[in-house]
């Protein structure tokens, strides 16, 4: 792996680890001021859409954490090329709104890094399964 690819990979995995560990200061340091976070999926879920900038993203993360309690997060594959990192895995969680468990589902992430900071976090999940649990 060349130096740029390794640095991009390390940045994204560090960001993901900080997020999982609730380390907001570390997350903030790894985020570009104009970072874009985009979640694909069922727009009836309050965490689906686009957020731009740190303040908006941290607001989104609050909404997300209030609406989905993650009980499983496992990265199964991760690849990097230049400034782009792809991570694939599986998740599970409970939606407090309905109290229902989602059941294990897959996710994919495409992230981009510039100057040692994440500039794009493009998230894909099985929002059908998540939506069914969320809406009860």
C-alpha atoms as a PDB file:
ATOM      1  CA  UNK A   1       0.000   0.000   0.000  1.00  0.00           C
ATOM      2  CA  UNK A   2       1.488   3.388  -0.896  1.00  0.00           C
ATOM      3  CA  UNK A   3       1.800   6.139   1.739  1.00  0.00           C
ATOM      4  CA  UNK A   4      -1.309   8.062   0.598  1.00  0.00           C
ATOM      5  CA  UNK A   5      -3.460   4.940   0.572  1.00  0.00           C
ATOM      6  CA  UNK A   6      -2.192   3.839   3.993  1.00  0.00           C
ATOM      7  CA  UNK A   7      -2.785   7.306   5.469  1.00  0.00           C
ATOM      8  CA  UNK A   8      -6.343   7.382   4.061  1.00  0.00           C
ATOM      9  CA  UNK A   9      -7.051   3.913   5.441  1.00  0.00           C
ATOM     10  CA  UNK A  10      -5.669   4.823   8.869  1.00  0.00           C
ATOM     11  CA  UNK A  11      -7.699   8.056   8.982  1.00  0.00           C
ATOM     12  CA  UNK A  12     -11.004   6.347   8.138  1.00  0.00           C
ATOM     13  CA  UNK A  13     -10.431   3.447  10.523  1.00  0.00           C
ATOM     14  CA  UNK A  14      -9.391   5.914  13.245  1.00  0.00           C
ATOM     15  CA  UNK A  15     -12.539   7.948  12.641  1.00  0.00           C
ATOM     16  CA  UNK A  16     -14.691   4.827  12.769  1.00  0.00           C
ATOM     17  CA  UNK A  17     -13.005   3.695  15.989  1.00  0.00           C
ATOM     18  CA  UNK A  18     -13.433   7.126  17.588  1.00  0.00           C
ATOM     19  CA  UNK A  19     -17.116   7.123  16.636  1.00  0.00           C
ATOM     20  CA  UNK A  20     -17.629   3.646  18.093  1.00  0.00           C
ATOM     21  CA  UNK A  21     -15.841   4.674  21.274  1.00  0.00           C
ATOM     22  CA  UNK A  22     -17.734   7.963  21.674  1.00  0.00           C
ATOM     23  CA  UNK A  23     -14.494   9.961  21.338  1.00  0.00           C
ATOM     24  CA  UNK A  24     -16.009  13.156  19.938  1.00  0.00           C
ATOM     25  CA  UNK A  25     -12.824  15.239  20.167  1.00  0.00           C
ATOM     26  CA  UNK A  26     -10.859  12.657  18.207  1.00  0.00           C
ATOM     27  CA  UNK A  27     -13.671  12.418  15.655  1.00  0.00           C
ATOM     28  CA  UNK A  28     -13.700  16.192  15.284  1.00  0.00           C
ATOM     29  CA  UNK A  29      -9.940  16.272  14.712  1.00  0.00           C
ATOM     30  CA  UNK A  30     -10.296  13.694  11.924  1.00  0.00           C
ATOM     31  CA  UNK A  31     -13.146  15.601  10.205  1.00  0.00           C
ATOM     32  CA  UNK A  32     -12.649  18.318   7.623  1.00  0.00           C
ATOM     33  CA  UNK A  33     -14.608  21.469   8.524  1.00  0.00           C
ATOM     34  CA  UNK A  34     -16.666  21.020   5.339  1.00  0.00           C
ATOM     35  CA  UNK A  35     -17.069  17.242   5.613  1.00  0.00           C
ATOM     36  CA  UNK A  36     -20.174  15.762   3.983  1.00  0.00           C
ATOM     37  CA  UNK A  37     -21.962  12.813   5.579  1.00  0.00           C
ATOM     38  CA  UNK A  38     -24.565  11.170   3.366  1.00  0.00           C
ATOM     39  CA  UNK A  39     -26.744   8.182   4.307  1.00  0.00           C
ATOM     40  CA  UNK A  40     -28.590   6.376   1.540  1.00  0.00           C
ATOM     41  CA  UNK A  41     -31.904   4.732   2.257  1.00  0.00           C
ATOM     42  CA  UNK A  42     -35.498   5.109   3.387  1.00  0.00           C
ATOM     43  CA  UNK A  43     -36.094   8.831   3.852  1.00  0.00           C
ATOM     44  CA  UNK A  44     -38.728   8.175   6.544  1.00  0.00           C
ATOM     45  CA  UNK A  45     -35.840   7.349   8.905  1.00  0.00           C
ATOM     46  CA  UNK A  46     -34.566  10.488  10.675  1.00  0.00           C
ATOM     47  CA  UNK A  47     -30.904   9.687   9.964  1.00  0.00           C
ATOM     48  CA  UNK A  48     -31.212   9.274   6.191  1.00  0.00           C
ATOM     49  CA  UNK A  49     -30.031  12.229   4.138  1.00  0.00           C
ATOM     50  CA  UNK A  50     -27.099  14.615   3.836  1.00  0.00           C
ATOM     51  CA  UNK A  51     -25.323  16.677   6.495  1.00  0.00           C
ATOM     52  CA  UNK A  52     -22.579  19.176   5.688  1.00  0.00           C
ATOM     53  CA  UNK A  53     -20.049  20.525   8.177  1.00  0.00           C
ATOM     54  CA  UNK A  54     -19.040  19.410  11.660  1.00  0.00           C
ATOM     55  CA  UNK A  55     -21.905  21.099  13.513  1.00  0.00           C
ATOM     56  CA  UNK A  56     -24.549  19.510  11.283  1.00  0.00           C
ATOM     57  CA  UNK A  57     -22.852  16.116  11.463  1.00  0.00           C
ATOM     58  CA  UNK A  58     -22.644  16.143  15.255  1.00  0.00           C
ATOM     59  CA  UNK A  59     -26.338  17.134  15.306  1.00  0.00           C
ATOM     60  CA  UNK A  60     -27.111  14.205  13.044  1.00  0.00           C
ATOM     61  CA  UNK A  61     -25.129  11.829  15.278  1.00  0.00           C
ATOM     62  CA  UNK A  62     -27.268  12.896  18.240  1.00  0.00           C
ATOM     63  CA  UNK A  63     -30.451  12.115  16.268  1.00  0.00           C
ATOM     64  CA  UNK A  64     -28.978   8.809  15.124  1.00  0.00           C
ATOM     65  CA  UNK A  65     -27.987   7.725  18.641  1.00  0.00           C
ATOM     66  CA  UNK A  66     -31.457   8.610  19.958  1.00  0.00           C
ATOM     67  CA  UNK A  67     -33.113   6.475  17.275  1.00  0.00           C
ATOM     68  CA  UNK A  68     -30.856   3.444  16.919  1.00  0.00           C
ATOM     69  CA  UNK A  69     -29.007   1.558  19.631  1.00  0.00           C
ATOM     70  CA  UNK A  70     -26.285  -0.436  17.926  1.00  0.00           C
ATOM     71  CA  UNK A  71     -25.870  -3.927  19.375  1.00  0.00           C
ATOM     72  CA  UNK A  72     -23.520  -5.303  16.696  1.00  0.00           C
ATOM     73  CA  UNK A  73     -21.000  -3.604  14.453  1.00  0.00           C
ATOM     74  CA  UNK A  74     -18.490  -5.785  12.684  1.00  0.00           C
ATOM     75  CA  UNK A  75     -16.286  -4.719   9.805  1.00  0.00           C
ATOM     76  CA  UNK A  76     -15.818  -7.705   7.508  1.00  0.00           C
ATOM     77  CA  UNK A  77     -13.773  -6.147   4.692  1.00  0.00           C
ATOM     78  CA  UNK A  78     -11.928  -2.888   4.131  1.00  0.00           C
ATOM     79  CA  UNK A  79     -10.056  -1.665   1.070  1.00  0.00           C
ATOM     80  CA  UNK A  80      -8.260   1.545   0.173  1.00  0.00           C
ATOM     81  CA  UNK A  81      -6.996   3.137  -3.013  1.00  0.00           C
ATOM     82  CA  UNK A  82      -5.444   6.586  -2.882  1.00  0.00           C
ATOM     83  CA  UNK A  83      -7.836   8.895  -1.028  1.00  0.00           C
ATOM     84  CA  UNK A  84     -10.791   6.474  -1.090  1.00  0.00           C
ATOM     85  CA  UNK A  85     -11.608   3.813   1.509  1.00  0.00           C
ATOM     86  CA  UNK A  86     -14.394   1.215   1.305  1.00  0.00           C
ATOM     87  CA  UNK A  87     -15.590  -0.692   4.369  1.00  0.00           C
ATOM     88  CA  UNK A  88     -18.165  -3.470   4.409  1.00  0.00           C
ATOM     89  CA  UNK A  89     -19.699  -5.156   7.406  1.00  0.00           C
ATOM     90  CA  UNK A  90     -22.709  -6.214   9.379  1.00  0.00           C
ATOM     91  CA  UNK A  91     -24.748  -4.544  12.081  1.00  0.00           C
ATOM     92  CA  UNK A  92     -27.701  -5.075  14.342  1.00  0.00           C
ATOM     93  CA  UNK A  93     -29.559  -2.771  16.653  1.00  0.00           C
ATOM     94  CA  UNK A  94     -32.724  -1.837  18.467  1.00  0.00           C
ATOM     95  CA  UNK A  95     -34.914   1.100  17.539  1.00  0.00           C
ATOM     96  CA  UNK A  96     -36.115   2.775  20.754  1.00  0.00           C
ATOM     97  CA  UNK A  97     -39.183   4.152  18.942  1.00  0.00           C
ATOM     98  CA  UNK A  98     -40.646   0.653  18.519  1.00  0.00           C
ATOM     99  CA  UNK A  99     -38.399  -1.300  20.872  1.00  0.00           C
ATOM    100  CA  UNK A 100     -37.829  -3.829  18.095  1.00  0.00           C
ATOM    101  CA  UNK A 101     -34.569  -5.465  17.149  1.00  0.00           C
ATOM    102  CA  UNK A 102     -33.681  -4.946  13.510  1.00  0.00           C
ATOM    103  CA  UNK A 103     -31.946  -8.265  12.914  1.00  0.00           C
ATOM    104  CA  UNK A 104     -28.491  -8.539  11.410  1.00  0.00           C
ATOM    105  CA  UNK A 105     -28.064  -6.439   8.264  1.00  0.00           C
ATOM    106  CA  UNK A 106     -25.203  -5.383   6.025  1.00  0.00           C
ATOM    107  CA  UNK A 107     -23.628  -1.989   5.453  1.00  0.00           C
ATOM    108  CA  UNK A 108     -21.153  -0.459   3.042  1.00  0.00           C
ATOM    109  CA  UNK A 109     -19.183   2.746   3.381  1.00  0.00           C
ATOM    110  CA  UNK A 110     -17.319   4.842   0.823  1.00  0.00           C
ATOM    111  CA  UNK A 111     -15.145   7.470   2.482  1.00  0.00           C
ATOM    112  CA  UNK A 112     -12.746  10.042   1.061  1.00  0.00           C
ATOM    113  CA  UNK A 113      -9.793  11.644   2.824  1.00  0.00           C
ATOM    114  CA  UNK A 114      -7.964  14.886   2.086  1.00  0.00           C
ATOM    115  CA  UNK A 115      -5.011  16.265   4.062  1.00  0.00           C
ATOM    116  CA  UNK A 116      -5.465  13.682   6.818  1.00  0.00           C
ATOM    117  CA  UNK A 117      -9.160  14.401   7.404  1.00  0.00           C
ATOM    118  CA  UNK A 118     -12.371  12.723   6.283  1.00  0.00           C
ATOM    119  CA  UNK A 119     -14.142  14.860   3.677  1.00  0.00           C
ATOM    120  CA  UNK A 120     -16.860  12.379   2.647  1.00  0.00           C
ATOM    121  CA  UNK A 121     -18.688   9.651   4.552  1.00  0.00           C
ATOM    122  CA  UNK A 122     -21.138   7.947   2.189  1.00  0.00           C
ATOM    123  CA  UNK A 123     -23.084   5.262   4.069  1.00  0.00           C
ATOM    124  CA  UNK A 124     -25.257   2.502   2.633  1.00  0.00           C
ATOM    125  CA  UNK A 125     -27.361   0.184   4.812  1.00  0.00           C
ATOM    126  CA  UNK A 126     -30.289  -2.181   4.432  1.00  0.00           C
ATOM    127  CA  UNK A 127     -32.733   0.561   5.273  1.00  0.00           C
ATOM    128  CA  UNK A 128     -35.718  -1.681   4.484  1.00  0.00           C
ATOM    129  CA  UNK A 129     -34.958  -3.926   7.472  1.00  0.00           C
ATOM    130  CA  UNK A 130     -34.115  -0.914   9.627  1.00  0.00           C
ATOM    131  CA  UNK A 131     -37.304   0.895   8.575  1.00  0.00           C
ATOM    132  CA  UNK A 132     -39.481  -2.109   9.352  1.00  0.00           C
ATOM    133  CA  UNK A 133     -38.095  -2.257  12.890  1.00  0.00           C
ATOM    134  CA  UNK A 134     -38.200   1.527  13.356  1.00  0.00           C
ATOM    135  CA  UNK A 135     -41.828   1.852  12.251  1.00  0.00           C
ATOM    136  CA  UNK A 136     -42.880  -1.286  14.150  1.00  0.00           C
END
